[in-house]
């Protein structure tokens, strides 16, 4: 549960200034699925990662960077 929450937070970090609220929620939700898939892949490949740091920070970080480009609606932040 905690790693799923962290996965959502890591996923949204890259695009937090450029995304609308709905896109941010979707990015975090999909980040949880990315984490689960990456964690299962590590188990299948028999790679030892006892705290699942690579799926949380690696896979979800990559997803977050891609999501920042996909869900950026070009408005940005006006000051």
C-alpha atoms as a PDB file:
ATOM      1  CA  UNK A   1       0.000   0.000   0.000  1.00  0.00           C
ATOM      2  CA  UNK A   2       2.733   2.473   0.935  1.00  0.00           C
ATOM      3  CA  UNK A   3       4.713   1.790  -2.234  1.00  0.00           C
ATOM      4  CA  UNK A   4       1.579   2.349  -4.316  1.00  0.00           C
ATOM      5  CA  UNK A   5       1.105   5.745  -2.684  1.00  0.00           C
ATOM      6  CA  UNK A   6       4.760   6.597  -3.254  1.00  0.00           C
ATOM      7  CA  UNK A   7       4.432   5.475  -6.868  1.00  0.00           C
ATOM      8  CA  UNK A   8       1.592   7.933  -7.440  1.00  0.00           C
ATOM      9  CA  UNK A   9       3.540  10.755  -5.794  1.00  0.00           C
ATOM     10  CA  UNK A  10       6.685  10.038  -7.806  1.00  0.00           C
ATOM     11  CA  UNK A  11       4.633   9.858 -11.007  1.00  0.00           C
ATOM     12  CA  UNK A  12       3.099  13.304 -10.570  1.00  0.00           C
ATOM     13  CA  UNK A  13       6.283  15.082  -9.475  1.00  0.00           C
ATOM     14  CA  UNK A  14       7.627  15.787 -12.982  1.00  0.00           C
ATOM     15  CA  UNK A  15       4.480  17.449 -14.287  1.00  0.00           C
ATOM     16  CA  UNK A  16       2.999  19.021 -11.177  1.00  0.00           C
ATOM     17  CA  UNK A  17       3.371  22.606 -12.460  1.00  0.00           C
ATOM     18  CA  UNK A  18       1.915  21.973 -15.924  1.00  0.00           C
ATOM     19  CA  UNK A  19      -0.968  19.537 -15.431  1.00  0.00           C
ATOM     20  CA  UNK A  20      -4.628  20.102 -14.734  1.00  0.00           C
ATOM     21  CA  UNK A  21      -6.113  18.365 -11.676  1.00  0.00           C
ATOM     22  CA  UNK A  22      -7.794  15.565 -13.619  1.00  0.00           C
ATOM     23  CA  UNK A  23      -4.630  14.757 -15.522  1.00  0.00           C
ATOM     24  CA  UNK A  24      -2.654  14.707 -12.285  1.00  0.00           C
ATOM     25  CA  UNK A  25      -5.073  12.228 -10.699  1.00  0.00           C
ATOM     26  CA  UNK A  26      -4.933  10.018 -13.787  1.00  0.00           C
ATOM     27  CA  UNK A  27      -1.126  10.165 -13.826  1.00  0.00           C
ATOM     28  CA  UNK A  28      -0.930   9.122 -10.179  1.00  0.00           C
ATOM     29  CA  UNK A  29      -3.453   6.335 -10.647  1.00  0.00           C
ATOM     30  CA  UNK A  30      -1.623   4.952 -13.664  1.00  0.00           C
ATOM     31  CA  UNK A  31       1.620   5.254 -11.700  1.00  0.00           C
ATOM     32  CA  UNK A  32       0.257   2.682  -9.272  1.00  0.00           C
ATOM     33  CA  UNK A  33      -0.294   0.255 -12.129  1.00  0.00           C
ATOM     34  CA  UNK A  34       3.173   0.985 -13.550  1.00  0.00           C
ATOM     35  CA  UNK A  35       4.653   0.235 -10.128  1.00  0.00           C
ATOM     36  CA  UNK A  36       2.772  -3.067  -9.852  1.00  0.00           C
ATOM     37  CA  UNK A  37       3.840  -4.177 -13.338  1.00  0.00           C
ATOM     38  CA  UNK A  38       7.489  -3.252 -12.723  1.00  0.00           C
ATOM     39  CA  UNK A  39       7.491  -5.006  -9.353  1.00  0.00           C
ATOM     40  CA  UNK A  40       6.044  -8.181 -10.868  1.00  0.00           C
ATOM     41  CA  UNK A  41       8.626  -8.014 -13.663  1.00  0.00           C
ATOM     42  CA  UNK A  42      11.474  -7.876 -11.136  1.00  0.00           C
ATOM     43  CA  UNK A  43      10.075 -10.934  -9.352  1.00  0.00           C
ATOM     44  CA  UNK A  44       9.732 -12.795 -12.661  1.00  0.00           C
ATOM     45  CA  UNK A  45      13.315 -11.927 -13.626  1.00  0.00           C
ATOM     46  CA  UNK A  46      14.477 -12.956 -10.127  1.00  0.00           C
ATOM     47  CA  UNK A  47      16.070  -9.578  -9.428  1.00  0.00           C
ATOM     48  CA  UNK A  48      16.319  -8.895  -5.711  1.00  0.00           C
ATOM     49  CA  UNK A  49      14.942  -5.507  -4.670  1.00  0.00           C
ATOM     50  CA  UNK A  50      13.651  -5.938  -1.118  1.00  0.00           C
ATOM     51  CA  UNK A  51      12.092  -2.469  -0.765  1.00  0.00           C
ATOM     52  CA  UNK A  52      10.970  -2.099  -4.416  1.00  0.00           C
ATOM     53  CA  UNK A  53      12.954   1.111  -4.854  1.00  0.00           C
ATOM     54  CA  UNK A  54      13.601   0.540  -8.553  1.00  0.00           C
ATOM     55  CA  UNK A  55       9.935   0.115  -9.528  1.00  0.00           C
ATOM     56  CA  UNK A  56       8.837   3.071  -7.393  1.00  0.00           C
ATOM     57  CA  UNK A  57      11.511   5.584  -8.330  1.00  0.00           C
ATOM     58  CA  UNK A  58      12.763   4.202 -11.646  1.00  0.00           C
ATOM     59  CA  UNK A  59       9.687   2.977 -13.497  1.00  0.00           C
ATOM     60  CA  UNK A  60       7.290   5.534 -12.039  1.00  0.00           C
ATOM     61  CA  UNK A  61       9.810   8.314 -12.572  1.00  0.00           C
ATOM     62  CA  UNK A  62      10.047   7.412 -16.239  1.00  0.00           C
ATOM     63  CA  UNK A  63       6.244   7.260 -16.449  1.00  0.00           C
ATOM     64  CA  UNK A  64       6.039  10.664 -14.772  1.00  0.00           C
ATOM     65  CA  UNK A  65       8.349  12.255 -17.320  1.00  0.00           C
ATOM     66  CA  UNK A  66       6.332  10.757 -20.185  1.00  0.00           C
ATOM     67  CA  UNK A  67       3.054  11.816 -18.562  1.00  0.00           C
ATOM     68  CA  UNK A  68       4.355  15.364 -18.108  1.00  0.00           C
ATOM     69  CA  UNK A  69       4.798  15.578 -21.875  1.00  0.00           C
ATOM     70  CA  UNK A  70       1.509  13.813 -22.686  1.00  0.00           C
ATOM     71  CA  UNK A  71      -0.753  15.761 -20.329  1.00  0.00           C
ATOM     72  CA  UNK A  72       0.743  19.237 -20.612  1.00  0.00           C
ATOM     73  CA  UNK A  73      -2.041  21.437 -21.985  1.00  0.00           C
ATOM     74  CA  UNK A  74       0.297  24.389 -22.584  1.00  0.00           C
ATOM     75  CA  UNK A  75      -1.189  26.740 -20.018  1.00  0.00           C
ATOM     76  CA  UNK A  76       1.524  26.557 -17.387  1.00  0.00           C
ATOM     77  CA  UNK A  77       1.387  28.776 -14.329  1.00  0.00           C
ATOM     78  CA  UNK A  78       0.592  32.474 -14.678  1.00  0.00           C
ATOM     79  CA  UNK A  79       1.973  34.745 -11.991  1.00  0.00           C
END
